[in-house]
Amino acid sequence: MKKVCCISITLFLLLAAVGALLLISDHSDSGEFPQDMCVEDGPCRIRAGAGVEFEAVGWLERGEHVTVTDLVEGTDGRSWWYRVDRRSLPENAGITAGKYYIRGDLLEPVQYE
C-alpha cells in the first residue's frame, strides 16, 4: 500500500511539473516586452498585485487592448500575471496610480495584419 501511495504522489508531482513547464513555455513564447495584448474574455479584473488576494482596481471588457511590460509569477506560485502599463489603460477604467496586473490566461497577443 505504501508503495502504491508513493508512486501515486510521484506521478502527481511529475504531472504538475510538466504542466507548469507547459504554462511557462506557452507564455515565454508570446514575445518580448512591451507587448500589445487584447482581452480574450471579459470583463476581466485589473488587480493591484499579481494574485487574486489583491484588490480589483478596475475592469476591462473583451476586445480592449493594453500594453504589458512584464510577465510575473503569481503569489500562489502557479499562475502567471501580466504587469500592465497604466498609460495604455482606457480612460473609463478610472485607474490612477500604482502597479496593475491581469491574469495571464485572460490576455492574448494582438495580431496585426
PDB file of N, CA and C in Angstrom:
ATOM      1  N   MET A   1       0.821  -1.192   0.000  1.00  0.00           N
ATOM      2  CA  MET A   1       0.000   0.000   0.000  1.00  0.00           C
ATOM      3  C   MET A   1       0.868   1.261   0.000  1.00  0.00           C
ATOM      4  N   LYS A   2       1.939   1.260   0.803  1.00  0.00           N
ATOM      5  CA  LYS A   2       2.838   2.412   0.845  1.00  0.00           C
ATOM      6  C   LYS A   2       3.469   2.666  -0.518  1.00  0.00           C
ATOM      7  N   LYS A   3       3.833   1.588  -1.192  1.00  0.00           N
ATOM      8  CA  LYS A   3       4.485   1.710  -2.491  1.00  0.00           C
ATOM      9  C   LYS A   3       3.526   2.353  -3.509  1.00  0.00           C
ATOM     10  N   VAL A   4       2.262   1.934  -3.495  1.00  0.00           N
ATOM     11  CA  VAL A   4       1.267   2.499  -4.411  1.00  0.00           C
ATOM     12  C   VAL A   4       1.064   3.981  -4.120  1.00  0.00           C
ATOM     13  N   CYS A   5       1.027   4.332  -2.859  1.00  0.00           N
ATOM     14  CA  CYS A   5       0.849   5.729  -2.461  1.00  0.00           C
ATOM     15  C   CYS A   5       2.041   6.575  -2.934  1.00  0.00           C
ATOM     16  N   CYS A   6       3.257   6.084  -2.724  1.00  0.00           N
ATOM     17  CA  CYS A   6       4.464   6.805  -3.148  1.00  0.00           C
ATOM     18  C   CYS A   6       4.504   6.972  -4.662  1.00  0.00           C
ATOM     19  N   ILE A   7       4.119   5.942  -5.383  1.00  0.00           N
ATOM     20  CA  ILE A   7       4.096   6.016  -6.843  1.00  0.00           C
ATOM     21  C   ILE A   7       3.053   7.032  -7.295  1.00  0.00           C
ATOM     22  N   SER A   8       1.892   7.022  -6.644  1.00  0.00           N
ATOM     23  CA  SER A   8       0.835   7.975  -6.998  1.00  0.00           C
ATOM     24  C   SER A   8       1.277   9.406  -6.753  1.00  0.00           C
ATOM     25  N   ILE A   9       1.901   9.654  -5.630  1.00  0.00           N
ATOM     26  CA  ILE A   9       2.368  11.005  -5.305  1.00  0.00           C
ATOM     27  C   ILE A   9       3.452  11.438  -6.284  1.00  0.00           C
ATOM     28  N   THR A  10       4.374  10.553  -6.588  1.00  0.00           N
ATOM     29  CA  THR A  10       5.443  10.864  -7.541  1.00  0.00           C
ATOM     30  C   THR A  10       4.869  11.184  -8.913  1.00  0.00           C
ATOM     31  N   LEU A  11       3.909  10.391  -9.351  1.00  0.00           N
ATOM     32  CA  LEU A  11       3.282  10.622 -10.648  1.00  0.00           C
ATOM     33  C   LEU A  11       2.548  11.957 -10.666  1.00  0.00           C
ATOM     34  N   PHE A  12       1.843  12.269  -9.597  1.00  0.00           N
ATOM     35  CA  PHE A  12       1.141  13.542  -9.496  1.00  0.00           C
ATOM     36  C   PHE A  12       2.123  14.709  -9.575  1.00  0.00           C
ATOM     37  N   LEU A  13       3.214  14.641  -8.827  1.00  0.00           N
ATOM     38  CA  LEU A  13       4.212  15.711  -8.838  1.00  0.00           C
ATOM     39  C   LEU A  13       4.854  15.865 -10.208  1.00  0.00           C
ATOM     40  N   LEU A  14       5.107  14.759 -10.864  1.00  0.00           N
ATOM     41  CA  LEU A  14       5.684  14.793 -12.207  1.00  0.00           C
ATOM     42  C   LEU A  14       4.724  15.473 -13.183  1.00  0.00           C
ATOM     43  N   LEU A  15       3.448  15.113 -13.117  1.00  0.00           N
ATOM     44  CA  LEU A  15       2.457  15.735 -13.997  1.00  0.00           C
ATOM     45  C   LEU A  15       2.300  17.227 -13.698  1.00  0.00           C
ATOM     46  N   ALA A  16       2.353  17.599 -12.429  1.00  0.00           N
ATOM     47  CA  ALA A  16       2.261  19.006 -12.051  1.00  0.00           C
ATOM     48  C   ALA A  16       3.455  19.784 -12.598  1.00  0.00           C
ATOM     49  N   ALA A  17       4.638  19.199 -12.533  1.00  0.00           N
ATOM     50  CA  ALA A  17       5.840  19.859 -13.047  1.00  0.00           C
ATOM     51  C   ALA A  17       5.758  20.030 -14.566  1.00  0.00           C
ATOM     52  N   VAL A  18       5.290  19.012 -15.267  1.00  0.00           N
ATOM     53  CA  VAL A  18       5.145  19.110 -16.724  1.00  0.00           C
ATOM     54  C   VAL A  18       4.129  20.190 -17.074  1.00  0.00           C
ATOM     55  N   GLY A  19       3.011  20.240 -16.344  1.00  0.00           N
ATOM     56  CA  GLY A  19       2.004  21.273 -16.577  1.00  0.00           C
ATOM     57  C   GLY A  19       2.562  22.665 -16.367  1.00  0.00           C
ATOM     58  N   ALA A  20       3.344  22.840 -15.309  1.00  0.00           N
ATOM     59  CA  ALA A  20       3.949  24.148 -15.036  1.00  0.00           C
ATOM     60  C   ALA A  20       4.912  24.537 -16.148  1.00  0.00           C
ATOM     61  N   LEU A  21       5.699  23.593 -16.630  1.00  0.00           N
ATOM     62  CA  LEU A  21       6.629  23.883 -17.729  1.00  0.00           C
ATOM     63  C   LEU A  21       5.891  24.274 -19.000  1.00  0.00           C
ATOM     64  N   LEU A  22       4.783  23.599 -19.271  1.00  0.00           N
ATOM     65  CA  LEU A  22       3.996  23.946 -20.454  1.00  0.00           C
ATOM     66  C   LEU A  22       3.409  25.344 -20.324  1.00  0.00           C
ATOM     67  N   LEU A  23       2.943  25.696 -19.144  1.00  0.00           N
ATOM     68  CA  LEU A  23       2.398  27.032 -18.916  1.00  0.00           C
ATOM     69  C   LEU A  23       3.468  28.088 -19.101  1.00  0.00           C
ATOM     70  N   ILE A  24       4.646  27.848 -18.546  1.00  0.00           N
ATOM     71  CA  ILE A  24       5.745  28.804 -18.667  1.00  0.00           C
ATOM     72  C   ILE A  24       6.158  28.949 -20.124  1.00  0.00           C
ATOM     73  N   SER A  25       6.314  27.840 -20.819  1.00  0.00           N
ATOM     74  CA  SER A  25       6.754  27.917 -22.207  1.00  0.00           C
ATOM     75  C   SER A  25       5.702  28.571 -23.079  1.00  0.00           C
ATOM     76  N   ASP A  26       4.413  28.374 -22.766  1.00  0.00           N
ATOM     77  CA  ASP A  26       3.346  28.997 -23.531  1.00  0.00           C
ATOM     78  C   ASP A  26       3.448  30.516 -23.448  1.00  0.00           C
ATOM     79  N   HIS A  27       3.704  31.053 -22.255  1.00  0.00           N
ATOM     80  CA  HIS A  27       3.778  32.491 -22.097  1.00  0.00           C
ATOM     81  C   HIS A  27       5.126  33.055 -22.516  1.00  0.00           C
ATOM     82  N   SER A  28       6.196  32.335 -22.348  1.00  0.00           N
ATOM     83  CA  SER A  28       7.504  32.880 -22.696  1.00  0.00           C
ATOM     84  C   SER A  28       7.678  32.993 -24.201  1.00  0.00           C
ATOM     85  N   ASP A  29       6.898  32.254 -24.988  1.00  0.00           N
ATOM     86  CA  ASP A  29       6.989  32.327 -26.434  1.00  0.00           C
ATOM     87  C   ASP A  29       6.137  33.447 -27.013  1.00  0.00           C
ATOM     88  N   SER A  30       5.437  34.176 -26.168  1.00  0.00           N
ATOM     89  CA  SER A  30       4.500  35.170 -26.665  1.00  0.00           C
ATOM     90  C   SER A  30       5.192  36.452 -27.135  1.00  0.00           C
ATOM     91  N   GLY A  31       6.488  36.560 -26.962  1.00  0.00           N
ATOM     92  CA  GLY A  31       7.206  37.721 -27.474  1.00  0.00           C
ATOM     93  C   GLY A  31       7.903  38.492 -26.386  1.00  0.00           C
ATOM     94  N   GLU A  32       8.588  39.526 -26.808  1.00  0.00           N
ATOM     95  CA  GLU A  32       9.301  40.374 -25.866  1.00  0.00           C
ATOM     96  C   GLU A  32       8.395  41.496 -25.399  1.00  0.00           C
ATOM     97  N   PHE A  33       8.823  42.162 -24.351  1.00  0.00           N
ATOM     98  CA  PHE A  33       8.012  43.228 -23.769  1.00  0.00           C
ATOM     99  C   PHE A  33       8.663  44.574 -24.025  1.00  0.00           C
ATOM    100  N   PRO A  34       7.900  45.638 -24.140  1.00  0.00           N
ATOM    101  CA  PRO A  34       6.453  45.708 -24.003  1.00  0.00           C
ATOM    102  C   PRO A  34       5.756  45.063 -25.196  1.00  0.00           C
ATOM    103  N   GLN A  35       4.506  44.656 -24.960  1.00  0.00           N
ATOM    104  CA  GLN A  35       3.743  43.954 -25.977  1.00  0.00           C
ATOM    105  C   GLN A  35       2.276  44.367 -25.885  1.00  0.00           C
ATOM    106  N   ASP A  36       1.663  44.621 -27.061  1.00  0.00           N
ATOM    107  CA  ASP A  36       0.240  44.923 -27.101  1.00  0.00           C
ATOM    108  C   ASP A  36      -0.541  43.620 -26.961  1.00  0.00           C
ATOM    109  N   MET A  37      -1.523  43.643 -26.048  1.00  0.00           N
ATOM    110  CA  MET A  37      -2.335  42.449 -25.820  1.00  0.00           C
ATOM    111  C   MET A  37      -3.800  42.846 -25.788  1.00  0.00           C
ATOM    112  N   CYS A  38      -4.644  41.857 -26.012  1.00  0.00           N
ATOM    113  CA  CYS A  38      -6.078  42.062 -26.107  1.00  0.00           C
ATOM    114  C   CYS A  38      -6.779  41.177 -25.078  1.00  0.00           C
ATOM    115  N   VAL A  39      -7.840  41.698 -24.454  1.00  0.00           N
ATOM    116  CA  VAL A  39      -8.623  40.915 -23.506  1.00  0.00           C
ATOM    117  C   VAL A  39      -9.384  39.851 -24.288  1.00  0.00           C
ATOM    118  N   GLU A  40      -9.088  38.597 -23.998  1.00  0.00           N
ATOM    119  CA  GLU A  40      -9.705  37.477 -24.703  1.00  0.00           C
ATOM    120  C   GLU A  40     -11.109  37.193 -24.182  1.00  0.00           C
ATOM    121  N   ASP A  41     -11.280  37.311 -22.888  1.00  0.00           N
ATOM    122  CA  ASP A  41     -12.577  37.011 -22.284  1.00  0.00           C
ATOM    123  C   ASP A  41     -12.830  38.035 -21.198  1.00  0.00           C
ATOM    124  N   GLY A  42     -13.899  38.757 -21.321  1.00  0.00           N
ATOM    125  CA  GLY A  42     -14.133  39.819 -20.360  1.00  0.00           C
ATOM    126  C   GLY A  42     -15.532  39.761 -19.805  1.00  0.00           C
ATOM    127  N   PRO A  43     -15.815  40.583 -18.857  1.00  0.00           N
ATOM    128  CA  PRO A  43     -14.867  41.543 -18.293  1.00  0.00           C
ATOM    129  C   PRO A  43     -13.815  40.853 -17.430  1.00  0.00           C
ATOM    130  N   CYS A  44     -12.638  41.446 -17.367  1.00  0.00           N
ATOM    131  CA  CYS A  44     -11.584  40.891 -16.519  1.00  0.00           C
ATOM    132  C   CYS A  44     -11.123  41.959 -15.537  1.00  0.00           C
ATOM    133  N   ARG A  45     -10.728  41.498 -14.380  1.00  0.00           N
ATOM    134  CA  ARG A  45     -10.299  42.408 -13.317  1.00  0.00           C
ATOM    135  C   ARG A  45      -8.851  42.842 -13.518  1.00  0.00           C
ATOM    136  N   ILE A  46      -8.605  44.102 -13.223  1.00  0.00           N
ATOM    137  CA  ILE A  46      -7.246  44.622 -13.132  1.00  0.00           C
ATOM    138  C   ILE A  46      -6.957  44.674 -11.639  1.00  0.00           C
ATOM    139  N   ARG A  47      -5.868  44.053 -11.214  1.00  0.00           N
ATOM    140  CA  ARG A  47      -5.577  43.967  -9.781  1.00  0.00           C
ATOM    141  C   ARG A  47      -4.339  44.781  -9.420  1.00  0.00           C
ATOM    142  N   ALA A  48      -4.247  45.129  -8.136  1.00  0.00           N
ATOM    143  CA  ALA A  48      -3.138  45.933  -7.622  1.00  0.00           C
ATOM    144  C   ALA A  48      -1.881  45.102  -7.407  1.00  0.00           C
ATOM    145  N   GLY A  49      -1.957  43.798  -7.535  1.00  0.00           N
ATOM    146  CA  GLY A  49      -0.809  42.916  -7.372  1.00  0.00           C
ATOM    147  C   GLY A  49      -1.026  41.637  -8.150  1.00  0.00           C
ATOM    148  N   ALA A  50       0.002  40.803  -8.209  1.00  0.00           N
ATOM    149  CA  ALA A  50      -0.032  39.575  -9.004  1.00  0.00           C
ATOM    150  C   ALA A  50      -0.632  38.418  -8.213  1.00  0.00           C
ATOM    151  N   GLY A  51      -1.912  38.519  -7.915  1.00  0.00           N
ATOM    152  CA  GLY A  51      -2.607  37.456  -7.195  1.00  0.00           C
ATOM    153  C   GLY A  51      -4.053  37.837  -6.939  1.00  0.00           C
ATOM    154  N   VAL A  52      -4.904  36.835  -6.763  1.00  0.00           N
ATOM    155  CA  VAL A  52      -6.330  37.104  -6.568  1.00  0.00           C
ATOM    156  C   VAL A  52      -6.625  37.758  -5.228  1.00  0.00           C
ATOM    157  N   GLU A  53      -5.685  37.709  -4.296  1.00  0.00           N
ATOM    158  CA  GLU A  53      -5.926  38.337  -2.996  1.00  0.00           C
ATOM    159  C   GLU A  53      -5.743  39.858  -3.040  1.00  0.00           C
ATOM    160  N   PHE A  54      -5.222  40.378  -4.150  1.00  0.00           N
ATOM    161  CA  PHE A  54      -5.055  41.820  -4.280  1.00  0.00           C
ATOM    162  C   PHE A  54      -6.362  42.456  -4.744  1.00  0.00           C
ATOM    163  N   GLU A  55      -6.539  43.703  -4.346  1.00  0.00           N
ATOM    164  CA  GLU A  55      -7.754  44.441  -4.660  1.00  0.00           C
ATOM    165  C   GLU A  55      -7.931  44.588  -6.172  1.00  0.00           C
ATOM    166  N   ALA A  56      -9.173  44.411  -6.626  1.00  0.00           N
ATOM    167  CA  ALA A  56      -9.514  44.709  -8.015  1.00  0.00           C
ATOM    168  C   ALA A  56      -9.666  46.219  -8.124  1.00  0.00           C
ATOM    169  N   VAL A  57      -8.844  46.847  -8.964  1.00  0.00           N
ATOM    170  CA  VAL A  57      -8.839  48.307  -9.060  1.00  0.00           C
ATOM    171  C   VAL A  57      -9.475  48.807 -10.354  1.00  0.00           C
ATOM    172  N   GLY A  58      -9.928  47.886 -11.197  1.00  0.00           N
ATOM    173  CA  GLY A  58     -10.568  48.279 -12.442  1.00  0.00           C
ATOM    174  C   GLY A  58     -10.988  47.062 -13.243  1.00  0.00           C
ATOM    175  N   TRP A  59     -11.615  47.321 -14.385  1.00  0.00           N
ATOM    176  CA  TRP A  59     -12.128  46.265 -15.256  1.00  0.00           C
ATOM    177  C   TRP A  59     -11.784  46.574 -16.698  1.00  0.00           C
ATOM    178  N   LEU A  60     -11.621  45.530 -17.482  1.00  0.00           N
ATOM    179  CA  LEU A  60     -11.502  45.673 -18.932  1.00  0.00           C
ATOM    180  C   LEU A  60     -12.533  44.754 -19.580  1.00  0.00           C
ATOM    181  N   GLU A  61     -13.093  45.220 -20.667  1.00  0.00           N
ATOM    182  CA  GLU A  61     -14.064  44.428 -21.408  1.00  0.00           C
ATOM    183  C   GLU A  61     -13.366  43.628 -22.502  1.00  0.00           C
ATOM    184  N   ARG A  62     -14.015  42.597 -22.968  1.00  0.00           N
ATOM    185  CA  ARG A  62     -13.488  41.771 -24.050  1.00  0.00           C
ATOM    186  C   ARG A  62     -13.174  42.658 -25.263  1.00  0.00           C
ATOM    187  N   GLY A  63     -12.007  42.428 -25.852  1.00  0.00           N
ATOM    188  CA  GLY A  63     -11.592  43.167 -27.036  1.00  0.00           C
ATOM    189  C   GLY A  63     -10.772  44.407 -26.756  1.00  0.00           C
ATOM    190  N   GLU A  64     -10.735  44.873 -25.491  1.00  0.00           N
ATOM    191  CA  GLU A  64      -9.932  46.053 -25.180  1.00  0.00           C
ATOM    192  C   GLU A  64      -8.449  45.696 -25.211  1.00  0.00           C
ATOM    193  N   HIS A  65      -7.636  46.676 -25.610  1.00  0.00           N
ATOM    194  CA  HIS A  65      -6.193  46.466 -25.742  1.00  0.00           C
ATOM    195  C   HIS A  65      -5.454  47.163 -24.610  1.00  0.00           C
ATOM    196  N   VAL A  66      -4.356  46.531 -24.177  1.00  0.00           N
ATOM    197  CA  VAL A  66      -3.454  47.120 -23.195  1.00  0.00           C
ATOM    198  C   VAL A  66      -2.023  46.798 -23.610  1.00  0.00           C
ATOM    199  N   THR A  67      -1.088  47.527 -23.035  1.00  0.00           N
ATOM    200  CA  THR A  67       0.326  47.231 -23.236  1.00  0.00           C
ATOM    201  C   THR A  67       0.843  46.574 -21.969  1.00  0.00           C
ATOM    202  N   VAL A  68       1.443  45.396 -22.121  1.00  0.00           N
ATOM    203  CA  VAL A  68       2.012  44.721 -20.963  1.00  0.00           C
ATOM    204  C   VAL A  68       3.523  44.893 -20.983  1.00  0.00           C
ATOM    205  N   THR A  69       4.094  45.026 -19.784  1.00  0.00           N
ATOM    206  CA  THR A  69       5.524  45.303 -19.676  1.00  0.00           C
ATOM    207  C   THR A  69       6.325  44.142 -19.125  1.00  0.00           C
ATOM    208  N   ASP A  70       5.632  43.129 -18.596  1.00  0.00           N
ATOM    209  CA  ASP A  70       6.355  42.029 -17.963  1.00  0.00           C
ATOM    210  C   ASP A  70       5.396  40.886 -17.682  1.00  0.00           C
ATOM    211  N   LEU A  71       5.937  39.709 -17.505  1.00  0.00           N
ATOM    212  CA  LEU A  71       5.191  38.527 -17.086  1.00  0.00           C
ATOM    213  C   LEU A  71       5.784  38.085 -15.764  1.00  0.00           C
ATOM    214  N   VAL A  72       4.960  37.993 -14.725  1.00  0.00           N
ATOM    215  CA  VAL A  72       5.454  37.660 -13.391  1.00  0.00           C
ATOM    216  C   VAL A  72       4.689  36.487 -12.810  1.00  0.00           C
ATOM    217  N   GLU A  73       5.357  35.778 -11.911  1.00  0.00           N
ATOM    218  CA  GLU A  73       4.724  34.663 -11.228  1.00  0.00           C
ATOM    219  C   GLU A  73       3.775  35.195 -10.170  1.00  0.00           C
ATOM    220  N   GLY A  74       2.596  34.592 -10.089  1.00  0.00           N
ATOM    221  CA  GLY A  74       1.617  34.999  -9.094  1.00  0.00           C
ATOM    222  C   GLY A  74       2.029  34.590  -7.693  1.00  0.00           C
ATOM    223  N   THR A  75       1.361  35.166  -6.721  1.00  0.00           N
ATOM    224  CA  THR A  75       1.680  34.885  -5.325  1.00  0.00           C
ATOM    225  C   THR A  75       1.396  33.437  -4.954  1.00  0.00           C
ATOM    226  N   ASP A  76       0.560  32.755  -5.740  1.00  0.00           N
ATOM    227  CA  ASP A  76       0.271  31.351  -5.450  1.00  0.00           C
ATOM    228  C   ASP A  76       1.346  30.416  -6.002  1.00  0.00           C
ATOM    229  N   GLY A  77       2.293  30.955  -6.777  1.00  0.00           N
ATOM    230  CA  GLY A  77       3.371  30.148  -7.337  1.00  0.00           C
ATOM    231  C   GLY A  77       2.950  29.296  -8.521  1.00  0.00           C
ATOM    232  N   ARG A  78       1.687  29.377  -8.934  1.00  0.00           N
ATOM    233  CA  ARG A  78       1.204  28.548 -10.033  1.00  0.00           C
ATOM    234  C   ARG A  78       0.696  29.363 -11.204  1.00  0.00           C
ATOM    235  N   SER A  79       0.205  30.563 -10.958  1.00  0.00           N
ATOM    236  CA  SER A  79      -0.381  31.350 -12.035  1.00  0.00           C
ATOM    237  C   SER A  79       0.610  32.414 -12.517  1.00  0.00           C
ATOM    238  N   TRP A  80       0.355  32.911 -13.710  1.00  0.00           N
ATOM    239  CA  TRP A  80       1.213  33.930 -14.306  1.00  0.00           C
ATOM    240  C   TRP A  80       0.387  35.161 -14.578  1.00  0.00           C
ATOM    241  N   TRP A  81       0.961  36.313 -14.310  1.00  0.00           N
ATOM    242  CA  TRP A  81       0.263  37.587 -14.410  1.00  0.00           C
ATOM    243  C   TRP A  81       1.050  38.543 -15.280  1.00  0.00           C
ATOM    244  N   TYR A  82       0.335  39.330 -16.075  1.00  0.00           N
ATOM    245  CA  TYR A  82       0.972  40.378 -16.865  1.00  0.00           C
ATOM    246  C   TYR A  82       0.925  41.692 -16.086  1.00  0.00           C
ATOM    247  N   ARG A  83       2.069  42.376 -16.037  1.00  0.00           N
ATOM    248  CA  ARG A  83       2.115  43.726 -15.484  1.00  0.00           C
ATOM    249  C   ARG A  83       1.697  44.658 -16.622  1.00  0.00           C
ATOM    250  N   VAL A  84       0.745  45.536 -16.347  1.00  0.00           N
ATOM    251  CA  VAL A  84       0.151  46.387 -17.368  1.00  0.00           C
ATOM    252  C   VAL A  84       0.664  47.823 -17.239  1.00  0.00           C
ATOM    253  N   ASP A  85       0.981  48.425 -18.376  1.00  0.00           N
ATOM    254  CA  ASP A  85       1.379  49.831 -18.422  1.00  0.00           C
ATOM    255  C   ASP A  85       0.126  50.678 -18.221  1.00  0.00           C
ATOM    256  N   ARG A  86       0.091  51.456 -17.147  1.00  0.00           N
ATOM    257  CA  ARG A  86      -1.087  52.249 -16.814  1.00  0.00           C
ATOM    258  C   ARG A  86      -1.501  53.181 -17.944  1.00  0.00           C
ATOM    259  N   ARG A  87      -0.518  53.703 -18.670  1.00  0.00           N
ATOM    260  CA  ARG A  87      -0.824  54.647 -19.758  1.00  0.00           C
ATOM    261  C   ARG A  87      -1.633  54.000 -20.871  1.00  0.00           C
ATOM    262  N   SER A  88      -1.619  52.677 -20.942  1.00  0.00           N
ATOM    263  CA  SER A  88      -2.359  52.002 -22.000  1.00  0.00           C
ATOM    264  C   SER A  88      -3.792  51.658 -21.589  1.00  0.00           C
ATOM    265  N   LEU A  89      -4.134  51.884 -20.323  1.00  0.00           N
ATOM    266  CA  LEU A  89      -5.483  51.577 -19.858  1.00  0.00           C
ATOM    267  C   LEU A  89      -6.468  52.617 -20.375  1.00  0.00           C
ATOM    268  N   PRO A  90      -7.674  52.195 -20.715  1.00  0.00           N
ATOM    269  CA  PRO A  90      -8.671  53.168 -21.184  1.00  0.00           C
ATOM    270  C   PRO A  90      -9.024  54.173 -20.086  1.00  0.00           C
ATOM    271  N   GLU A  91      -9.351  55.384 -20.492  1.00  0.00           N
ATOM    272  CA  GLU A  91      -9.689  56.430 -19.525  1.00  0.00           C
ATOM    273  C   GLU A  91     -10.877  56.051 -18.655  1.00  0.00           C
ATOM    274  N   ASN A  92     -11.817  55.292 -19.209  1.00  0.00           N
ATOM    275  CA  ASN A  92     -13.009  54.928 -18.450  1.00  0.00           C
ATOM    276  C   ASN A  92     -12.738  53.855 -17.397  1.00  0.00           C
ATOM    277  N   ALA A  93     -11.490  53.359 -17.328  1.00  0.00           N
ATOM    278  CA  ALA A  93     -11.158  52.361 -16.306  1.00  0.00           C
ATOM    279  C   ALA A  93     -11.087  53.004 -14.923  1.00  0.00           C
ATOM    280  N   GLY A  94     -10.913  54.327 -14.861  1.00  0.00           N
ATOM    281  CA  GLY A  94     -10.916  55.042 -13.594  1.00  0.00           C
ATOM    282  C   GLY A  94      -9.739  54.716 -12.689  1.00  0.00           C
ATOM    283  N   ILE A  95      -8.615  54.365 -13.276  1.00  0.00           N
ATOM    284  CA  ILE A  95      -7.447  53.952 -12.501  1.00  0.00           C
ATOM    285  C   ILE A  95      -6.452  55.109 -12.453  1.00  0.00           C
ATOM    286  N   THR A  96      -5.830  55.302 -11.288  1.00  0.00           N
ATOM    287  CA  THR A  96      -4.900  56.425 -11.153  1.00  0.00           C
ATOM    288  C   THR A  96      -3.460  55.944 -11.047  1.00  0.00           C
ATOM    289  N   ALA A  97      -2.946  55.717  -9.850  1.00  0.00           N
ATOM    290  CA  ALA A  97      -1.532  55.406  -9.675  1.00  0.00           C
ATOM    291  C   ALA A  97      -1.350  53.978  -9.190  1.00  0.00           C
ATOM    292  N   GLY A  98      -0.135  53.473  -9.324  1.00  0.00           N
ATOM    293  CA  GLY A  98       0.181  52.146  -8.819  1.00  0.00           C
ATOM    294  C   GLY A  98       0.619  51.194  -9.916  1.00  0.00           C
ATOM    295  N   LYS A  99       0.795  49.947  -9.537  1.00  0.00           N
ATOM    296  CA  LYS A  99       1.120  48.892 -10.487  1.00  0.00           C
ATOM    297  C   LYS A  99      -0.134  48.063 -10.704  1.00  0.00           C
ATOM    298  N   TYR A 100      -0.288  47.553 -11.925  1.00  0.00           N
ATOM    299  CA  TYR A 100      -1.514  46.855 -12.288  1.00  0.00           C
ATOM    300  C   TYR A 100      -1.198  45.531 -12.956  1.00  0.00           C
ATOM    301  N   TYR A 101      -2.024  44.533 -12.665  1.00  0.00           N
ATOM    302  CA  TYR A 101      -1.792  43.182 -13.150  1.00  0.00           C
ATOM    303  C   TYR A 101      -3.087  42.561 -13.651  1.00  0.00           C
ATOM    304  N   ILE A 102      -2.961  41.736 -14.688  1.00  0.00           N
ATOM    305  CA  ILE A 102      -4.078  40.964 -15.218  1.00  0.00           C
ATOM    306  C   ILE A 102      -3.597  39.523 -15.355  1.00  0.00           C
ATOM    307  N   ARG A 103      -4.447  38.590 -14.929  1.00  0.00           N
ATOM    308  CA  ARG A 103      -4.089  37.169 -15.003  1.00  0.00           C
ATOM    309  C   ARG A 103      -3.747  36.786 -16.438  1.00  0.00           C
ATOM    310  N   GLY A 104      -2.675  36.027 -16.597  1.00  0.00           N
ATOM    311  CA  GLY A 104      -2.114  35.717 -17.908  1.00  0.00           C
ATOM    312  C   GLY A 104      -3.034  35.022 -18.874  1.00  0.00           C
ATOM    313  N   ASP A 105      -3.963  34.210 -18.379  1.00  0.00           N
ATOM    314  CA  ASP A 105      -4.830  33.468 -19.301  1.00  0.00           C
ATOM    315  C   ASP A 105      -5.982  34.312 -19.826  1.00  0.00           C
ATOM    316  N   LEU A 106      -6.088  35.566 -19.418  1.00  0.00           N
ATOM    317  CA  LEU A 106      -7.172  36.429 -19.870  1.00  0.00           C
ATOM    318  C   LEU A 106      -6.765  37.322 -21.045  1.00  0.00           C
ATOM    319  N   LEU A 107      -5.476  37.344 -21.379  1.00  0.00           N
ATOM    320  CA  LEU A 107      -4.976  38.192 -22.461  1.00  0.00           C
ATOM    321  C   LEU A 107      -4.333  37.358 -23.554  1.00  0.00           C
ATOM    322  N   GLU A 108      -4.429  37.857 -24.768  1.00  0.00           N
ATOM    323  CA  GLU A 108      -3.772  37.238 -25.925  1.00  0.00           C
ATOM    324  C   GLU A 108      -3.018  38.323 -26.683  1.00  0.00           C
ATOM    325  N   PRO A 109      -1.888  37.983 -27.299  1.00  0.00           N
ATOM    326  CA  PRO A 109      -1.161  38.980 -28.103  1.00  0.00           C
ATOM    327  C   PRO A 109      -2.046  39.513 -29.227  1.00  0.00           C
ATOM    328  N   VAL A 110      -1.937  40.806 -29.508  1.00  0.00           N
ATOM    329  CA  VAL A 110      -2.678  41.406 -30.607  1.00  0.00           C
ATOM    330  C   VAL A 110      -2.045  40.922 -31.909  1.00  0.00           C
ATOM    331  N   GLN A 111      -2.887  40.481 -32.820  1.00  0.00           N
ATOM    332  CA  GLN A 111      -2.423  40.008 -34.128  1.00  0.00           C
ATOM    333  C   GLN A 111      -2.620  41.116 -35.163  1.00  0.00           C
ATOM    334  N   TYR A 112      -1.513  41.748 -35.551  1.00  0.00           N
ATOM    335  CA  TYR A 112      -1.595  42.790 -36.565  1.00  0.00           C
ATOM    336  C   TYR A 112      -1.380  42.160 -37.938  1.00  0.00           C
ATOM    337  N   GLU A 113      -2.147  42.639 -38.896  1.00  0.00           N
ATOM    338  CA  GLU A 113      -2.013  42.091 -40.251  1.00  0.00           C
ATOM    339  C   GLU A 113      -1.248  43.000 -41.153  1.00  0.00           C
TER     340      GLU A 113
END
